[in-house]
Structure formats: structure tokens, C-alpha cells
Amino acid sequence: MSDNNNPENIGFYTALPSGIKTRSGAPLTVPLDTSTQKFTAKFIERSVNPTVSDIRATSAFKDRVEGRQLLLTNSFKDTKHARKSKKSGRKTITAKERRVLGIYDIPKESQKYSLFQPLHQLWTQYINGVVGDKSGEQMLGRVIRADMHGAKLGVTKAKCPNYVGVSGIVAQETKNVFRVITQDDRLVVVPKAHCVFTLELPKEKCLIYGDQFVFRASERAVKKFKPKPSIDL
């Protein structure tokens, strides 16, 4: 026969696995408030089945609750600011450091037009899916939101005449520039602002205004553009 006076057999308490205790990252020790301690004792007594004797309830309280620290408040939330401060101190590489290290630089031996032709073929498949059967303003509205890595484009007009005539495959696109690999294996950095480009689509060519592309590709994908009849250079 089981011992009914044994608190282990009361049934309202089971030990919490240690893995669950530590998984949330919540502190396991917090100051115990006296009012909380008084409330806990009364709460345990009220929660125990009325058919259970007072002796068993008192025994359960003394064995499982009395003298222990119970997390009745969300102490995990209270330490949120401390965790954020610790996270903010994590060392990350800055944009300036990336430029100094040349992480995104294209090596001289890789600045070949032939190496980027497969990228252009992938872009052709991609833009076909983006444009679909749209035409006119609807087509341009989709083109302006498209990623330009691998696109073939040429500079038709520019505030700086040195850029006029530059054409090739877009090897890299940043917020402010297109890095273009030309057919004579040169890497030319063309600013987007104050330039008009001719973009080669699979079925036709269209003019795009660089000022409307002065965004990162991810930003353009969700931005709402207002129609502009012309842009002064």
C-alpha cells in the first residue's frame, strides 16, 4: 500500500526537468517577497483537493514550497533590457571595415565579360517571370522593382558625359551605383543618379531613370513609386 501522507503522492506537484528550467534563459534565483510568501501558503492550501487532509496540505507546503524561491512574476521579462545591452556589445563588422577589407571587390582576373554571361542568362529567366505578359506602364512598374544583378544596360544620358556609351552586364548593384562589366572586360562604376539607362529586356528595350533606382534592391521591391513623366538631368 502506498503512503498517503507522503507528499510525493499528492498529485499536484511534479518535478520540473532541469532542461526546461534553463532553456528559457530566465534566472533561477530571485529575491523572495514576504507578501508573495504569505500568498503562496494560502494559495497552496486553497488549491489542494478538499478531500485531502490539512496534514497532507501542510506537509506538501513545507516540503515543496516553504523556504524556496518561486517565480510567480515574469522575471525573464524583467531582464530583457540587460540581455539587449549584452547583445548590443557584440562585435560586428561595419560597412567601412568591409570596404577596407575589400569583401565585395571583384578581383581583376574575374573582371571578364564572358564570366558574367551565365548570370545574364539567369537574369533573363528571372525578369521573364517578373514581367510576365505585362506591357507599357504595368511592365515598367514591375521592372523598377526588379533586381538588376545580371541585367544588360547602357548609359544613354548622363550629367557627366564620360558615362554616356558605357554598356555591359551589371555585376553588382548598390544603393547608389551600378558596377558594370563591359564587353572589353572593364569594370565601370556608374552612378544611378542623374543618368538615363537603356535596359535590354528579352523582347524589347526600355528607358529607365537612375534617380528612381537610388534604393537598395530589397527596398525597391516593396516601395510604391509615383509615375514621373520626365526627370531633369
C-alpha atoms as a PDB file:
ATOM      1  CA  MET A   1       0.000   0.000   0.000  1.00  0.00           C
ATOM      2  CA  SER A   2       1.146   3.500  -0.764  1.00  0.00           C
ATOM      3  CA  ASP A   3       1.726   6.031   1.970  1.00  0.00           C
ATOM      4  CA  ASN A   4      -0.981   8.695   1.541  1.00  0.00           C
ATOM      5  CA  ASN A   5       0.904  11.005   3.878  1.00  0.00           C
ATOM      6  CA  ASN A   6       3.877  11.057   1.539  1.00  0.00           C
ATOM      7  CA  PRO A   7       3.877  14.448  -0.325  1.00  0.00           C
ATOM      8  CA  GLU A   8       5.268  12.703  -3.408  1.00  0.00           C
ATOM      9  CA  ASN A   9       1.868  11.012  -3.859  1.00  0.00           C
ATOM     10  CA  ILE A  10      -0.310  14.141  -3.589  1.00  0.00           C
ATOM     11  CA  GLY A  11      -0.514  14.508  -7.357  1.00  0.00           C
ATOM     12  CA  PHE A  12      -0.482  18.276  -7.841  1.00  0.00           C
ATOM     13  CA  TYR A  13       3.314  18.508  -7.960  1.00  0.00           C
ATOM     14  CA  THR A  14       5.818  17.017 -10.355  1.00  0.00           C
ATOM     15  CA  ALA A  15       9.451  17.979 -10.585  1.00  0.00           C
ATOM     16  CA  LEU A  16      10.310  20.321 -13.479  1.00  0.00           C
ATOM     17  CA  PRO A  17      13.065  18.843 -15.685  1.00  0.00           C
ATOM     18  CA  SER A  18      16.339  20.746 -15.440  1.00  0.00           C
ATOM     19  CA  GLY A  19      16.428  21.220 -19.222  1.00  0.00           C
ATOM     20  CA  ILE A  20      13.190  23.203 -19.149  1.00  0.00           C
ATOM     21  CA  LYS A  21      14.428  25.301 -16.225  1.00  0.00           C
ATOM     22  CA  THR A  22      17.464  26.532 -18.143  1.00  0.00           C
ATOM     23  CA  ARG A  23      16.030  26.582 -21.690  1.00  0.00           C
ATOM     24  CA  SER A  24      14.234  29.930 -21.341  1.00  0.00           C
ATOM     25  CA  GLY A  25      17.307  31.687 -20.019  1.00  0.00           C
ATOM     26  CA  ALA A  26      15.310  33.033 -17.066  1.00  0.00           C
ATOM     27  CA  PRO A  27      17.220  33.493 -13.806  1.00  0.00           C
ATOM     28  CA  LEU A  28      16.692  30.673 -11.320  1.00  0.00           C
ATOM     29  CA  THR A  29      17.226  32.836  -8.244  1.00  0.00           C
ATOM     30  CA  VAL A  30      15.218  35.981  -7.494  1.00  0.00           C
ATOM     31  CA  PRO A  31      14.579  37.837  -4.205  1.00  0.00           C
ATOM     32  CA  LEU A  32      11.580  36.403  -2.346  1.00  0.00           C
ATOM     33  CA  ASP A  33       8.976  38.949  -1.334  1.00  0.00           C
ATOM     34  CA  THR A  34       7.337  38.390   2.071  1.00  0.00           C
ATOM     35  CA  SER A  35       3.858  39.145   0.753  1.00  0.00           C
ATOM     36  CA  THR A  36       4.404  36.628  -2.018  1.00  0.00           C
ATOM     37  CA  GLN A  37       5.446  34.021   0.535  1.00  0.00           C
ATOM     38  CA  LYS A  38       2.242  34.524   2.557  1.00  0.00           C
ATOM     39  CA  PHE A  39       0.101  34.375  -0.584  1.00  0.00           C
ATOM     40  CA  THR A  40       1.796  31.167  -1.717  1.00  0.00           C
ATOM     41  CA  ALA A  41       0.999  29.340   1.503  1.00  0.00           C
ATOM     42  CA  LYS A  42      -2.698  30.279   1.360  1.00  0.00           C
ATOM     43  CA  PHE A  43      -2.855  29.512  -2.375  1.00  0.00           C
ATOM     44  CA  ILE A  44      -1.465  26.017  -1.842  1.00  0.00           C
ATOM     45  CA  GLU A  45      -3.950  25.333   0.939  1.00  0.00           C
ATOM     46  CA  ARG A  46      -6.878  26.508  -1.214  1.00  0.00           C
ATOM     47  CA  SER A  47      -5.681  24.574  -4.265  1.00  0.00           C
ATOM     48  CA  VAL A  48      -5.336  21.202  -2.591  1.00  0.00           C
ATOM     49  CA  ASN A  49      -8.341  18.936  -3.043  1.00  0.00           C
ATOM     50  CA  PRO A  50     -10.779  19.488  -0.115  1.00  0.00           C
ATOM     51  CA  THR A  51     -10.823  15.734   0.473  1.00  0.00           C
ATOM     52  CA  VAL A  52      -7.135  15.847   1.265  1.00  0.00           C
ATOM     53  CA  SER A  53      -6.434  16.347   4.952  1.00  0.00           C
ATOM     54  CA  ASP A  54      -4.916  19.553   6.275  1.00  0.00           C
ATOM     55  CA  ILE A  55      -1.958  17.491   7.442  1.00  0.00           C
ATOM     56  CA  ARG A  56      -1.113  16.489   3.885  1.00  0.00           C
ATOM     57  CA  ALA A  57      -1.537  20.073   2.622  1.00  0.00           C
ATOM     58  CA  THR A  58       0.715  21.433   5.348  1.00  0.00           C
ATOM     59  CA  SER A  59       3.229  18.681   4.693  1.00  0.00           C
ATOM     60  CA  ALA A  60       3.228  19.435   0.969  1.00  0.00           C
ATOM     61  CA  PHE A  61       3.746  23.129   1.593  1.00  0.00           C
ATOM     62  CA  LYS A  62       6.641  22.599   3.999  1.00  0.00           C
ATOM     63  CA  ASP A  63       8.340  20.060   1.760  1.00  0.00           C
ATOM     64  CA  ARG A  64       7.835  21.677  -1.644  1.00  0.00           C
ATOM     65  CA  VAL A  65       7.307  25.407  -1.124  1.00  0.00           C
ATOM     66  CA  GLU A  66       8.446  26.738   2.218  1.00  0.00           C
ATOM     67  CA  GLY A  67      11.888  28.313   2.083  1.00  0.00           C
ATOM     68  CA  ARG A  68      12.102  28.097  -1.696  1.00  0.00           C
ATOM     69  CA  GLN A  69      12.106  30.875  -4.277  1.00  0.00           C
ATOM     70  CA  LEU A  70       9.123  30.698  -6.617  1.00  0.00           C
ATOM     71  CA  LEU A  71       8.977  32.618  -9.887  1.00  0.00           C
ATOM     72  CA  LEU A  72       5.433  33.978  -9.643  1.00  0.00           C
ATOM     73  CA  THR A  73       6.327  37.011 -11.793  1.00  0.00           C
ATOM     74  CA  ASN A  74       7.863  37.143 -15.255  1.00  0.00           C
ATOM     75  CA  SER A  75      11.438  37.737 -14.199  1.00  0.00           C
ATOM     76  CA  PHE A  76      12.513  36.718 -17.692  1.00  0.00           C
ATOM     77  CA  LYS A  77      10.817  39.870 -18.996  1.00  0.00           C
ATOM     78  CA  ASP A  78      12.418  41.969 -16.258  1.00  0.00           C
ATOM     79  CA  THR A  79      15.890  41.072 -17.534  1.00  0.00           C
ATOM     80  CA  LYS A  80      15.068  41.947 -21.161  1.00  0.00           C
ATOM     81  CA  HIS A  81      16.943  45.232 -21.017  1.00  0.00           C
ATOM     82  CA  ALA A  82      20.043  43.534 -19.616  1.00  0.00           C
ATOM     83  CA  ARG A  83      20.024  40.973 -22.418  1.00  0.00           C
ATOM     84  CA  LYS A  84      19.666  43.711 -25.040  1.00  0.00           C
ATOM     85  CA  SER A  85      22.616  45.577 -23.582  1.00  0.00           C
ATOM     86  CA  LYS A  86      24.707  42.424 -23.690  1.00  0.00           C
ATOM     87  CA  LYS A  87      23.672  41.720 -27.274  1.00  0.00           C
ATOM     88  CA  SER A  88      24.445  45.267 -28.415  1.00  0.00           C
ATOM     89  CA  GLY A  89      28.003  44.807 -27.216  1.00  0.00           C
ATOM     90  CA  ARG A  90      28.569  42.009 -29.708  1.00  0.00           C
ATOM     91  CA  LYS A  91      31.317  42.868 -32.206  1.00  0.00           C
ATOM     92  CA  THR A  92      30.139  43.092 -35.811  1.00  0.00           C
ATOM     93  CA  ILE A  93      31.942  44.232 -38.921  1.00  0.00           C
ATOM     94  CA  THR A  94      30.986  47.714 -40.135  1.00  0.00           C
ATOM     95  CA  ALA A  95      30.440  48.924 -43.695  1.00  0.00           C
ATOM     96  CA  LYS A  96      33.701  50.878 -43.534  1.00  0.00           C
ATOM     97  CA  GLU A  97      35.594  47.778 -42.439  1.00  0.00           C
ATOM     98  CA  ARG A  98      34.021  45.781 -45.280  1.00  0.00           C
ATOM     99  CA  ARG A  99      35.280  48.374 -47.758  1.00  0.00           C
ATOM    100  CA  VAL A 100      38.766  48.329 -46.254  1.00  0.00           C
ATOM    101  CA  LEU A 101      38.863  44.525 -46.380  1.00  0.00           C
ATOM    102  CA  GLY A 102      37.536  44.533 -49.949  1.00  0.00           C
ATOM    103  CA  ILE A 103      34.946  41.864 -49.227  1.00  0.00           C
ATOM    104  CA  TYR A 104      32.773  42.836 -52.191  1.00  0.00           C
ATOM    105  CA  ASP A 105      35.570  43.741 -54.584  1.00  0.00           C
ATOM    106  CA  ILE A 106      35.705  41.800 -57.847  1.00  0.00           C
ATOM    107  CA  PRO A 107      39.260  40.537 -58.454  1.00  0.00           C
ATOM    108  CA  LYS A 108      40.970  41.810 -61.592  1.00  0.00           C
ATOM    109  CA  GLU A 109      41.223  38.316 -63.074  1.00  0.00           C
ATOM    110  CA  SER A 110      37.452  37.889 -62.665  1.00  0.00           C
ATOM    111  CA  GLN A 111      36.504  41.104 -64.456  1.00  0.00           C
ATOM    112  CA  LYS A 112      35.697  39.305 -67.703  1.00  0.00           C
ATOM    113  CA  TYR A 113      32.504  39.750 -69.699  1.00  0.00           C
ATOM    114  CA  SER A 114      32.338  36.053 -70.563  1.00  0.00           C
ATOM    115  CA  LEU A 115      32.250  35.074 -66.889  1.00  0.00           C
ATOM    116  CA  PHE A 116      29.088  37.142 -66.346  1.00  0.00           C
ATOM    117  CA  GLN A 117      27.134  35.939 -69.368  1.00  0.00           C
ATOM    118  CA  PRO A 118      25.667  32.974 -67.403  1.00  0.00           C
ATOM    119  CA  LEU A 119      24.496  35.494 -64.797  1.00  0.00           C
ATOM    120  CA  HIS A 120      22.741  37.435 -67.543  1.00  0.00           C
ATOM    121  CA  GLN A 121      21.017  34.254 -68.745  1.00  0.00           C
ATOM    122  CA  LEU A 122      19.705  33.659 -65.226  1.00  0.00           C
ATOM    123  CA  TRP A 123      18.514  37.271 -65.033  1.00  0.00           C
ATOM    124  CA  THR A 124      16.672  36.837 -68.356  1.00  0.00           C
ATOM    125  CA  GLN A 125      14.721  33.921 -66.903  1.00  0.00           C
ATOM    126  CA  TYR A 126      14.074  35.904 -63.735  1.00  0.00           C
ATOM    127  CA  ILE A 127      12.803  39.043 -65.496  1.00  0.00           C
ATOM    128  CA  ASN A 128      10.540  36.948 -67.730  1.00  0.00           C
ATOM    129  CA  GLY A 129       8.824  35.697 -64.610  1.00  0.00           C
ATOM    130  CA  VAL A 130       8.627  39.201 -63.122  1.00  0.00           C
ATOM    131  CA  VAL A 131       7.230  40.949 -66.193  1.00  0.00           C
ATOM    132  CA  GLY A 132       5.042  38.121 -67.472  1.00  0.00           C
ATOM    133  CA  ASP A 133       2.668  39.334 -70.171  1.00  0.00           C
ATOM    134  CA  LYS A 134       2.526  42.922 -68.907  1.00  0.00           C
ATOM    135  CA  SER A 135       3.292  45.871 -71.168  1.00  0.00           C
ATOM    136  CA  GLY A 136       3.522  49.635 -71.005  1.00  0.00           C
ATOM    137  CA  GLU A 137       3.329  51.237 -67.565  1.00  0.00           C
ATOM    138  CA  GLN A 138       2.452  47.952 -65.882  1.00  0.00           C
ATOM    139  CA  MET A 139       5.624  46.385 -67.259  1.00  0.00           C
ATOM    140  CA  LEU A 140       7.764  49.362 -66.203  1.00  0.00           C
ATOM    141  CA  GLY A 141       6.200  49.265 -62.756  1.00  0.00           C
ATOM    142  CA  ARG A 142       7.480  45.719 -62.348  1.00  0.00           C
ATOM    143  CA  VAL A 143      10.868  46.396 -63.918  1.00  0.00           C
ATOM    144  CA  ILE A 144      11.608  49.219 -61.485  1.00  0.00           C
ATOM    145  CA  ARG A 145      11.113  46.817 -58.568  1.00  0.00           C
ATOM    146  CA  ALA A 146      13.275  44.082 -60.088  1.00  0.00           C
ATOM    147  CA  ASP A 147      16.791  43.145 -59.047  1.00  0.00           C
ATOM    148  CA  MET A 148      19.340  44.267 -61.622  1.00  0.00           C
ATOM    149  CA  HIS A 149      22.199  41.853 -60.961  1.00  0.00           C
ATOM    150  CA  GLY A 150      22.884  40.314 -64.367  1.00  0.00           C
ATOM    151  CA  ALA A 151      20.896  42.848 -66.416  1.00  0.00           C
ATOM    152  CA  LYS A 152      22.311  44.310 -69.624  1.00  0.00           C
ATOM    153  CA  LEU A 153      22.089  48.073 -69.699  1.00  0.00           C
ATOM    154  CA  GLY A 154      23.801  51.050 -71.243  1.00  0.00           C
ATOM    155  CA  VAL A 155      24.069  54.714 -70.316  1.00  0.00           C
ATOM    156  CA  THR A 156      22.035  56.816 -72.753  1.00  0.00           C
ATOM    157  CA  LYS A 157      22.182  60.178 -70.982  1.00  0.00           C
ATOM    158  CA  ALA A 158      24.222  61.389 -68.044  1.00  0.00           C
ATOM    159  CA  LYS A 159      25.002  64.611 -66.269  1.00  0.00           C
ATOM    160  CA  CYS A 160      28.656  63.603 -66.603  1.00  0.00           C
ATOM    161  CA  PRO A 161      29.220  62.919 -70.341  1.00  0.00           C
ATOM    162  CA  ASN A 162      32.055  60.481 -69.592  1.00  0.00           C
ATOM    163  CA  TYR A 163      29.486  57.822 -68.712  1.00  0.00           C
ATOM    164  CA  VAL A 164      27.496  58.087 -71.942  1.00  0.00           C
ATOM    165  CA  GLY A 165      28.013  54.980 -74.076  1.00  0.00           C
ATOM    166  CA  VAL A 166      29.093  52.691 -71.229  1.00  0.00           C
ATOM    167  CA  SER A 167      27.231  49.387 -71.523  1.00  0.00           C
ATOM    168  CA  GLY A 168      27.530  45.844 -70.254  1.00  0.00           C
ATOM    169  CA  ILE A 169      26.270  43.408 -67.629  1.00  0.00           C
ATOM    170  CA  VAL A 170      25.512  44.588 -64.105  1.00  0.00           C
ATOM    171  CA  ALA A 171      27.903  42.667 -61.880  1.00  0.00           C
ATOM    172  CA  GLN A 172      26.929  44.466 -58.677  1.00  0.00           C
ATOM    173  CA  GLU A 173      24.191  46.857 -57.622  1.00  0.00           C
ATOM    174  CA  THR A 174      24.360  49.013 -54.512  1.00  0.00           C
ATOM    175  CA  LYS A 175      22.109  51.789 -53.321  1.00  0.00           C
ATOM    176  CA  ASN A 176      23.847  54.452 -55.405  1.00  0.00           C
ATOM    177  CA  VAL A 177      25.764  52.748 -58.227  1.00  0.00           C
ATOM    178  CA  PHE A 178      25.769  50.032 -60.861  1.00  0.00           C
ATOM    179  CA  ARG A 179      29.057  48.175 -61.299  1.00  0.00           C
ATOM    180  CA  VAL A 180      29.084  47.161 -64.955  1.00  0.00           C
ATOM    181  CA  ILE A 181      31.362  44.673 -66.744  1.00  0.00           C
ATOM    182  CA  THR A 182      31.805  45.900 -70.314  1.00  0.00           C
ATOM    183  CA  GLN A 183      32.446  43.747 -73.371  1.00  0.00           C
ATOM    184  CA  ASP A 184      36.097  44.802 -73.371  1.00  0.00           C
ATOM    185  CA  ASP A 185      36.480  43.341 -69.852  1.00  0.00           C
ATOM    186  CA  ARG A 186      36.450  46.559 -67.859  1.00  0.00           C
ATOM    187  CA  LEU A 187      34.701  47.223 -64.558  1.00  0.00           C
ATOM    188  CA  VAL A 188      32.989  50.604 -64.672  1.00  0.00           C
ATOM    189  CA  VAL A 189      31.227  52.110 -61.667  1.00  0.00           C
ATOM    190  CA  VAL A 190      28.252  54.131 -62.945  1.00  0.00           C
ATOM    191  CA  PRO A 191      26.238  56.305 -60.538  1.00  0.00           C
ATOM    192  CA  LYS A 192      22.482  55.842 -60.685  1.00  0.00           C
ATOM    193  CA  ALA A 193      21.610  59.465 -60.001  1.00  0.00           C
ATOM    194  CA  HIS A 194      21.419  61.852 -62.964  1.00  0.00           C
ATOM    195  CA  CYS A 195      21.696  59.043 -65.523  1.00  0.00           C
ATOM    196  CA  VAL A 196      19.242  57.524 -68.009  1.00  0.00           C
ATOM    197  CA  PHE A 197      19.826  53.882 -68.937  1.00  0.00           C
ATOM    198  CA  THR A 198      18.684  51.653 -71.778  1.00  0.00           C
ATOM    199  CA  LEU A 199      17.686  48.311 -70.309  1.00  0.00           C
ATOM    200  CA  GLU A 200      17.630  45.237 -72.548  1.00  0.00           C
ATOM    201  CA  LEU A 201      14.615  43.053 -71.818  1.00  0.00           C
ATOM    202  CA  PRO A 202      14.117  39.663 -73.517  1.00  0.00           C
ATOM    203  CA  LYS A 203      11.608  41.079 -76.031  1.00  0.00           C
ATOM    204  CA  GLU A 204      12.366  44.808 -76.138  1.00  0.00           C
ATOM    205  CA  LYS A 205      14.386  47.675 -74.741  1.00  0.00           C
ATOM    206  CA  CYS A 206      13.179  50.358 -72.378  1.00  0.00           C
ATOM    207  CA  LEU A 207      14.498  53.524 -70.775  1.00  0.00           C
ATOM    208  CA  ILE A 208      14.896  53.661 -67.026  1.00  0.00           C
ATOM    209  CA  TYR A 209      15.784  56.708 -64.939  1.00  0.00           C
ATOM    210  CA  GLY A 210      18.570  56.099 -62.481  1.00  0.00           C
ATOM    211  CA  ASP A 211      17.118  58.542 -59.960  1.00  0.00           C
ATOM    212  CA  GLN A 212      14.221  56.153 -59.447  1.00  0.00           C
ATOM    213  CA  PHE A 213      16.696  53.335 -58.702  1.00  0.00           C
ATOM    214  CA  VAL A 214      18.596  55.090 -55.905  1.00  0.00           C
ATOM    215  CA  PHE A 215      17.477  52.433 -53.448  1.00  0.00           C
ATOM    216  CA  ARG A 216      18.698  49.015 -52.492  1.00  0.00           C
ATOM    217  CA  ALA A 217      17.085  46.215 -54.472  1.00  0.00           C
ATOM    218  CA  SER A 218      15.285  44.939 -51.360  1.00  0.00           C
ATOM    219  CA  GLU A 219      13.854  48.421 -50.720  1.00  0.00           C
ATOM    220  CA  ARG A 220      12.647  48.859 -54.292  1.00  0.00           C
ATOM    221  CA  ALA A 221      10.791  45.554 -54.143  1.00  0.00           C
ATOM    222  CA  VAL A 222       8.297  46.977 -51.617  1.00  0.00           C
ATOM    223  CA  LYS A 223       8.362  50.691 -52.447  1.00  0.00           C
ATOM    224  CA  LYS A 224       5.424  52.397 -54.122  1.00  0.00           C
ATOM    225  CA  PHE A 225       6.622  54.600 -56.979  1.00  0.00           C
ATOM    226  CA  LYS A 226       4.696  57.545 -58.316  1.00  0.00           C
ATOM    227  CA  PRO A 227       4.682  57.992 -62.103  1.00  0.00           C
ATOM    228  CA  LYS A 228       7.035  60.722 -63.308  1.00  0.00           C
ATOM    229  CA  PRO A 229       6.772  61.946 -66.910  1.00  0.00           C
ATOM    230  CA  SER A 230      10.401  63.092 -67.028  1.00  0.00           C
ATOM    231  CA  ILE A 231      13.407  63.691 -64.841  1.00  0.00           C
ATOM    232  CA  ASP A 232      15.806  66.563 -65.460  1.00  0.00           C
ATOM    233  CA  LEU A 233      19.476  65.720 -65.605  1.00  0.00           C
END
